[in-house]
């Protein structure tokens, strides 16, 4: 699946986006994280949604029929998207929007650039469980706890008026790996030797050649399907209760934006392998044993590789401080906060000076 094959674009009016109508008053309905139902923004009427957890099943990575699946209506959907000229984020837009800002960087969106795209339907999603007000409060507590942040920022907790709920795209992988390796096991020994006329006990490492095989199973290993957010932020969002995923339904997206994938499942698998290799290396070192380990060679077979496309919920905003943009996100399930924030140069300098003074004091005491 490549960019030429999986994207079909044409200019389209912005009112092609998803909008749910209230059966009671005809107003707009949005998904409510607090009640887990669709709720009318005008009359408050609620419509229940099925939130029964789904059994996550995937597709074989090397299934040749997958490459042409995007031509099948059952596997794809036409969505209205807009790309931010500043940060490159590609998100869906709601029907009633006549103006707006990018949820990722705060830049004004050029809505005449909206177009439709035919893309893979997500198969599963985690519905929002944290509402906007709860997410805002979680962020304010997080920022106030950052001592190095400038005082005026910590006191005001930055501006969260642009706080937006976004479903982020992920690929989830299952795989069974078998790795053959060779290396060395090190045991720490102690011996007595004469140094400058004195006998001293010194440690050394005794190495022995080893070889072996380790097998690991991976389930629902997540890889972001876009690079819009910094890697340090996305890499820190790991607490996802995937056992609460539901089957994809458009109703859960009502009132929220959706970031569209920019990496297909084959491109993202390279990142999945990197994550797997980190765990494989730890397992090899455990298998080698001893006090120290050296890995000289290894070769891994990846079998039964399956993938799934799913959406995970975050609250996101950004603010500008002294001309620089800072982003933060709140896990839409747990309220966990990750993000970047400015550091006070004065506070950093104070800590550095205190560190220098402590070091000088220790040197002085050691010389007495």
Protein backbone atom coordinates (compact mmCIF):
# COMPACT_ATOMS: atom_id res chain seq x y z
CA UNK A 1 0.00 0.00 0.00
CA UNK A 2 1.62 3.29 -1.04
CA UNK A 3 0.74 6.96 -1.14
CA UNK A 4 -0.26 6.85 -4.79
CA UNK A 5 -2.56 3.88 -4.32
CA UNK A 6 -4.20 4.74 -1.02
CA UNK A 7 -5.13 8.38 -1.44
CA UNK A 8 -7.71 9.79 -3.76
CA UNK A 9 -8.13 13.56 -3.44
CA UNK A 10 -10.47 16.09 -4.94
CA UNK A 11 -11.72 19.53 -3.92
CA UNK A 12 -14.92 19.26 -1.92
CA UNK A 13 -17.05 21.51 0.25
CA UNK A 14 -16.29 21.40 3.93
CA UNK A 15 -19.83 20.30 4.82
CA UNK A 16 -19.05 16.71 3.78
CA UNK A 17 -17.71 16.07 7.31
CA UNK A 18 -19.51 13.95 9.89
CA UNK A 19 -22.36 15.54 11.86
CA UNK A 20 -24.90 13.78 14.09
CA UNK A 21 -28.42 15.22 14.34
CA UNK A 22 -30.51 15.07 17.50
CA UNK A 23 -33.74 13.08 16.92
CA UNK A 24 -35.49 15.27 19.49
CA UNK A 25 -34.70 18.84 18.40
CA UNK A 26 -32.55 18.46 15.28
CA UNK A 27 -29.54 19.99 17.00
CA UNK A 28 -25.98 18.72 16.90
CA UNK A 29 -25.09 15.66 18.93
CA UNK A 30 -21.62 14.90 20.20
CA UNK A 31 -20.08 11.98 22.01
CA UNK A 32 -19.96 12.62 25.76
CA UNK A 33 -16.99 11.01 27.57
CA UNK A 34 -18.77 11.45 30.90
CA UNK A 35 -21.88 9.48 29.96
CA UNK A 36 -20.45 7.30 27.16
CA UNK A 37 -23.37 8.31 24.95
CA UNK A 38 -24.25 10.80 22.22
CA UNK A 39 -25.53 14.00 23.80
CA UNK A 40 -27.33 16.92 22.14
CA UNK A 41 -25.49 20.19 22.66
CA UNK A 42 -28.83 22.06 22.65
CA UNK A 43 -31.52 20.09 24.47
CA UNK A 44 -29.37 17.57 26.33
CA UNK A 45 -31.07 14.51 24.82
CA UNK A 46 -28.87 11.41 25.09
CA UNK A 47 -28.64 8.40 22.82
CA UNK A 48 -26.92 5.28 24.14
CA UNK A 49 -24.01 3.72 22.27
CA UNK A 50 -22.73 0.16 22.43
CA UNK A 51 -19.45 0.27 24.36
CA UNK A 52 -19.03 -3.51 24.63
CA UNK A 53 -15.28 -4.32 24.41
CA UNK A 54 -14.31 -5.96 21.14
CA UNK A 55 -11.96 -8.85 20.58
CA UNK A 56 -9.06 -7.37 18.63
CA UNK A 57 -8.29 -9.41 15.53
CA UNK A 58 -5.79 -8.45 12.85
CA UNK A 59 -4.66 -9.07 9.30
CA UNK A 60 -1.57 -10.93 8.14
CA UNK A 61 1.17 -8.46 7.25
CA UNK A 62 2.16 -10.35 4.12
CA UNK A 63 -1.36 -10.98 2.83
CA UNK A 64 -1.14 -9.90 -0.82
CA UNK A 65 -4.86 -9.13 -0.97
CA UNK A 66 -4.44 -6.33 1.59
CA UNK A 67 -2.59 -4.08 -0.87
CA UNK A 68 -5.67 -3.68 -3.05
CA UNK A 69 -8.20 -3.54 -0.25
CA UNK A 70 -8.53 0.23 -0.37
CA UNK A 71 -10.49 -0.10 -3.59
CA UNK A 72 -13.17 -1.94 -1.62
CA UNK A 73 -15.86 0.23 -0.06
CA UNK A 74 -16.21 -2.03 2.97
CA UNK A 75 -12.58 -1.44 3.94
CA UNK A 76 -12.36 2.29 3.31
CA UNK A 77 -14.17 5.54 3.93
CA UNK A 78 -14.21 8.96 2.31
CA UNK A 79 -13.33 11.64 4.86
CA UNK A 80 -12.98 15.40 4.61
CA UNK A 81 -9.52 16.48 5.74
CA UNK A 82 -7.41 19.57 5.99
CA UNK A 83 -3.63 19.85 6.28
CA UNK A 84 -2.00 22.46 8.48
CA UNK A 85 0.51 24.56 6.55
CA UNK A 86 2.58 25.13 9.70
CA UNK A 87 3.06 21.70 11.31
CA UNK A 88 1.73 19.36 8.61
CA UNK A 89 -0.97 17.78 10.77
CA UNK A 90 -3.72 16.20 8.68
CA UNK A 91 -7.05 16.04 10.49
CA UNK A 92 -10.73 15.63 9.73
CA UNK A 93 -13.01 18.63 10.10
CA UNK A 94 -16.58 18.99 11.32
CA UNK A 95 -19.46 20.09 9.13
CA UNK A 96 -20.32 23.33 10.94
CA UNK A 97 -16.77 24.75 10.98
CA UNK A 98 -16.31 28.01 9.12
CA UNK A 99 -13.03 28.92 10.81
CA UNK A 100 -10.64 27.07 13.01
CA UNK A 101 -7.17 26.50 14.32
CA UNK A 102 -4.89 23.49 14.15
CA UNK A 103 -5.20 21.45 17.34
CA UNK A 104 -1.50 20.59 17.18
CA UNK A 105 0.13 24.03 16.82
CA UNK A 106 -2.63 26.64 17.04
CA UNK A 107 -2.14 27.96 13.49
CA UNK A 108 -5.22 29.26 11.67
CA UNK A 109 -6.46 26.73 9.12
CA UNK A 110 -7.11 27.62 5.50
CA UNK A 111 -10.48 25.94 5.17
CA UNK A 112 -10.64 26.38 1.41
CA UNK A 113 -7.88 23.76 1.28
CA UNK A 114 -10.25 21.08 2.62
CA UNK A 115 -10.55 18.04 0.40
CA UNK A 116 -11.75 14.48 0.56
CA UNK A 117 -9.51 11.48 0.96
CA UNK A 118 -10.28 7.80 0.64
CA UNK A 119 -8.43 5.97 3.36
CA UNK A 120 -8.49 2.81 5.44
CA UNK A 121 -11.25 2.70 8.03
CA UNK A 122 -9.98 2.20 11.57
CA UNK A 123 -11.14 -1.15 12.87
CA UNK A 124 -11.22 -0.32 16.57
CA UNK A 125 -11.05 2.70 18.85
CA UNK A 126 -10.82 3.59 22.51
CA UNK A 127 -13.62 6.05 23.32
CA UNK A 128 -12.81 9.15 25.34
CA UNK A 129 -13.34 8.60 29.07
CA UNK A 130 -11.93 11.97 30.20
CA UNK A 131 -13.99 15.07 29.38
CA UNK A 132 -12.62 18.45 28.36
CA UNK A 133 -12.90 20.11 31.77
CA UNK A 134 -11.24 17.14 33.53
CA UNK A 135 -8.46 17.14 30.95
CA UNK A 136 -7.86 20.86 31.42
CA UNK A 137 -7.60 20.48 35.19
CA UNK A 138 -5.16 17.57 34.80
CA UNK A 139 -2.95 19.73 32.60
CA UNK A 140 -3.05 22.69 35.00
CA UNK A 141 -2.00 20.46 37.91
CA UNK A 142 0.82 19.01 35.79
CA UNK A 143 2.19 22.41 34.80
CA UNK A 144 1.94 23.83 38.32
CA UNK A 145 4.06 20.90 39.47
CA UNK A 146 6.91 21.86 37.12
CA UNK A 147 9.20 23.92 39.37
CA UNK A 148 11.49 24.96 36.50
CA UNK A 149 8.58 26.51 34.57
CA UNK A 150 8.41 30.33 34.76
CA UNK A 151 6.29 31.47 37.71
CA UNK A 152 3.81 33.42 35.59
CA UNK A 153 3.22 30.34 33.45
CA UNK A 154 2.74 28.02 36.44
CA UNK A 155 0.35 30.46 38.09
CA UNK A 156 -1.76 30.98 34.99
CA UNK A 157 -1.32 27.36 33.76
CA UNK A 158 -1.10 28.71 30.21
CA UNK A 159 -4.08 29.28 27.94
CA UNK A 160 -6.20 26.19 27.31
CA UNK A 161 -8.97 27.81 25.28
CA UNK A 162 -7.88 25.82 22.22
CA UNK A 163 -8.12 22.49 24.08
CA UNK A 164 -9.27 19.94 21.50
CA UNK A 165 -10.10 16.25 21.58
CA UNK A 166 -8.34 14.28 18.85
CA UNK A 167 -8.34 10.59 17.96
CA UNK A 168 -4.77 9.66 17.01
CA UNK A 169 -4.12 6.80 14.55
CA UNK A 170 -2.02 3.81 15.58
CA UNK A 171 -1.01 0.48 14.09
CA UNK A 172 -0.99 -2.42 16.54
CA UNK A 173 1.15 -5.50 15.81
CA UNK A 174 1.23 -9.09 17.00
CA UNK A 175 4.21 -11.32 16.26
CA UNK A 176 6.10 -14.41 17.39
CA UNK A 177 9.88 -14.03 17.23
CA UNK A 178 12.67 -16.59 17.36
CA UNK A 179 16.21 -15.25 17.79
CA UNK A 180 19.47 -17.17 17.55
CA UNK A 181 22.47 -15.52 19.14
CA UNK A 182 26.08 -15.92 20.15
CA UNK A 183 27.91 -13.88 22.73
CA UNK A 184 29.86 -13.96 25.95
CA UNK A 185 28.93 -14.39 29.60
CA UNK A 186 31.02 -12.43 32.08
CA UNK A 187 31.62 -13.43 35.70
CA UNK A 188 33.19 -10.97 38.09
CA UNK A 189 36.20 -12.44 39.91
CA UNK A 190 38.51 -11.09 42.59
CA UNK A 191 42.25 -11.62 42.79
CA UNK A 192 45.12 -10.32 44.86
CA UNK A 193 47.99 -8.56 43.16
CA UNK A 194 50.88 -6.34 44.19
CA UNK A 195 50.54 -2.68 43.28
CA UNK A 196 53.36 -0.24 44.19
CA UNK A 197 54.74 -2.73 46.65
CA UNK A 198 51.39 -3.35 48.33
CA UNK A 199 49.00 -6.23 47.97
CA UNK A 200 45.56 -5.16 46.78
CA UNK A 201 42.42 -7.08 45.91
CA UNK A 202 41.18 -6.16 42.42
CA UNK A 203 38.21 -7.26 40.37
CA UNK A 204 38.30 -8.58 36.84
CA UNK A 205 35.82 -10.18 34.45
CA UNK A 206 36.18 -13.75 33.27
CA UNK A 207 34.46 -14.24 29.88
CA UNK A 208 33.07 -17.43 28.40
CA UNK A 209 31.60 -17.93 24.92
CA UNK A 210 27.89 -18.80 24.81
CA UNK A 211 25.19 -19.29 22.21
CA UNK A 212 21.49 -19.89 22.40
CA UNK A 213 17.97 -19.18 21.22
CA UNK A 214 15.15 -17.09 22.70
CA UNK A 215 11.51 -16.82 21.68
CA UNK A 216 9.17 -13.93 22.44
CA UNK A 217 5.52 -13.25 21.68
CA UNK A 218 4.32 -9.68 21.14
CA UNK A 219 0.71 -8.59 21.33
CA UNK A 220 -0.80 -5.22 20.39
CA UNK A 221 2.55 -3.47 20.15
CA UNK A 222 1.62 0.12 19.28
CA UNK A 223 3.27 2.33 16.67
CA UNK A 224 1.97 5.87 15.94
CA UNK A 225 0.65 6.07 12.38
CA UNK A 226 1.64 9.74 12.04
CA UNK A 227 4.59 11.92 13.05
CA UNK A 228 2.65 15.09 13.83
CA UNK A 229 3.46 15.03 17.55
CA UNK A 230 7.08 14.93 18.79
CA UNK A 231 8.41 11.42 19.36
CA UNK A 232 9.15 12.14 23.04
CA UNK A 233 5.47 12.93 23.64
CA UNK A 234 4.02 10.03 21.65
CA UNK A 235 6.59 7.61 23.06
CA UNK A 236 5.51 8.51 26.60
CA UNK A 237 1.84 7.76 26.00
CA UNK A 238 1.88 4.07 26.86
CA UNK A 239 -0.94 3.56 29.38
CA UNK A 240 -3.75 2.41 27.11
CA UNK A 241 -6.41 -0.05 28.30
CA UNK A 242 -6.71 -1.74 24.92
CA UNK A 243 -8.98 -4.39 26.40
CA UNK A 244 -11.67 -1.67 26.43
CA UNK A 245 -11.45 -1.00 22.69
CA UNK A 246 -14.74 -1.05 20.80
CA UNK A 247 -15.45 -1.68 17.17
CA UNK A 248 -15.10 1.45 15.08
CA UNK A 249 -18.27 3.51 14.75
CA UNK A 250 -18.49 7.06 13.42
CA UNK A 251 -20.74 8.13 16.29
CA UNK A 252 -17.78 8.04 18.70
CA UNK A 253 -16.01 10.62 16.53
CA UNK A 254 -18.80 13.20 16.67
CA UNK A 255 -17.48 16.38 18.28
CA UNK A 256 -13.83 15.33 17.94
CA UNK A 257 -11.15 15.64 15.33
CA UNK A 258 -9.36 12.64 13.86
CA UNK A 259 -5.75 12.67 12.78
CA UNK A 260 -5.34 10.59 9.62
CA UNK A 261 -2.49 8.15 9.20
CA UNK A 262 0.54 9.24 7.18
CA UNK A 263 2.44 5.94 7.51
CA UNK A 264 0.93 2.71 6.19
CA UNK A 265 1.13 -0.55 8.10
CA UNK A 266 4.22 -1.78 6.24
CA UNK A 267 6.18 1.43 6.84
CA UNK A 268 5.26 1.44 10.52
CA UNK A 269 6.32 -2.19 10.95
CA UNK A 270 9.95 -1.07 10.69
CA UNK A 271 9.39 0.93 13.89
CA UNK A 272 7.60 -2.01 15.47
CA UNK A 273 10.65 -4.19 14.80
CA UNK A 274 12.89 -1.62 16.51
CA UNK A 275 10.69 -1.79 19.62
CA UNK A 276 10.66 -5.59 19.47
CA UNK A 277 14.44 -5.67 19.12
CA UNK A 278 14.87 -3.70 22.33
CA UNK A 279 12.89 -6.30 24.25
CA UNK A 280 14.65 -9.14 22.40
CA UNK A 281 18.02 -7.75 23.45
CA UNK A 282 16.92 -7.63 27.09
CA UNK A 283 15.73 -11.24 26.81
CA UNK A 284 19.04 -12.35 25.28
CA UNK A 285 20.96 -10.73 28.12
CA UNK A 286 18.73 -12.51 30.65
CA UNK A 287 19.33 -15.78 28.81
CA UNK A 288 23.11 -15.29 28.75
CA UNK A 289 23.12 -14.66 32.49
CA UNK A 290 26.23 -13.96 34.52
CA UNK A 291 27.29 -10.57 35.83
CA UNK A 292 27.94 -9.03 32.42
CA UNK A 293 26.89 -9.88 28.88
CA UNK A 294 28.20 -9.30 25.39
CA UNK A 295 26.11 -9.97 22.29
CA UNK A 296 28.35 -10.68 19.30
CA UNK A 297 25.73 -11.81 16.78
CA UNK A 298 22.00 -12.39 16.53
CA UNK A 299 19.42 -13.19 13.88
CA UNK A 300 15.66 -12.86 14.37
CA UNK A 301 12.79 -14.50 12.49
CA UNK A 302 9.45 -12.67 12.69
CA UNK A 303 6.50 -15.04 12.32
CA UNK A 304 2.70 -14.78 12.41
CA UNK A 305 2.87 -10.98 12.06
CA UNK A 306 -0.59 -9.43 12.32
CA UNK A 307 -1.62 -5.78 12.25
CA UNK A 308 -4.66 -3.71 13.24
CA UNK A 309 -5.62 -0.07 12.65
CA UNK A 310 -7.08 1.72 15.66
CA UNK A 311 -7.70 5.18 17.10
CA UNK A 312 -6.68 6.34 20.58
CA UNK A 313 -8.02 9.46 22.34
CA UNK A 314 -6.01 12.48 23.48
CA UNK A 315 -6.80 16.04 24.49
CA UNK A 316 -4.28 18.37 22.91
CA UNK A 317 -3.40 22.04 22.90
CA UNK A 318 -0.47 24.32 22.32
CA UNK A 319 0.57 27.75 23.49
CA UNK A 320 3.20 30.28 22.54
CA UNK A 321 5.64 31.55 25.16
CA UNK A 322 8.23 34.15 24.20
CA UNK A 323 7.80 33.32 20.52
CA UNK A 324 8.12 29.54 20.82
CA UNK A 325 5.31 26.97 20.48
CA UNK A 326 4.90 24.35 23.22
CA UNK A 327 2.58 21.34 22.90
CA UNK A 328 0.98 19.16 25.52
CA UNK A 329 -1.41 16.22 25.45
CA UNK A 330 -3.67 14.53 27.99
CA UNK A 331 -4.44 10.83 27.70
CA UNK A 332 -8.18 10.73 26.99
CA UNK A 333 -8.56 7.57 29.06
CA UNK A 334 -6.40 8.13 32.16
CA UNK A 335 -5.76 11.88 32.38
CA UNK A 336 -2.00 11.31 32.18
CA UNK A 337 -0.23 14.43 30.87
CA UNK A 338 2.80 14.61 28.60
CA UNK A 339 4.25 17.66 26.96
CA UNK A 340 6.88 20.34 26.60
CA UNK A 341 7.18 23.48 28.68
CA UNK A 342 9.60 26.43 28.87
CA UNK A 343 12.18 26.52 31.65
CA UNK A 344 13.07 29.65 33.59
CA UNK A 345 16.67 30.64 32.88
CA UNK A 346 16.86 32.22 36.34
CA UNK A 347 15.76 29.01 38.09
CA UNK A 348 18.17 26.90 36.04
CA UNK A 349 21.00 29.30 36.93
CA UNK A 350 20.11 29.19 40.64
CA UNK A 351 20.19 25.38 40.68
CA UNK A 352 23.53 25.37 38.82
CA UNK A 353 25.04 27.83 41.32
CA UNK A 354 23.79 25.77 44.27
CA UNK A 355 25.32 22.66 42.71
CA UNK A 356 28.67 24.41 42.29
CA UNK A 357 28.62 25.66 45.89
CA UNK A 358 27.86 22.16 47.22
CA UNK A 359 30.69 20.69 45.13
CA UNK A 360 33.15 23.31 46.39
CA UNK A 361 32.07 22.66 49.99
CA UNK A 362 32.66 18.93 49.61
CA UNK A 363 36.10 19.57 48.13
CA UNK A 364 36.95 21.89 51.00
CA UNK A 365 35.83 19.36 53.62
CA UNK A 366 37.78 16.56 51.96
CA UNK A 367 40.99 18.63 52.06
CA UNK A 368 40.74 19.44 55.76
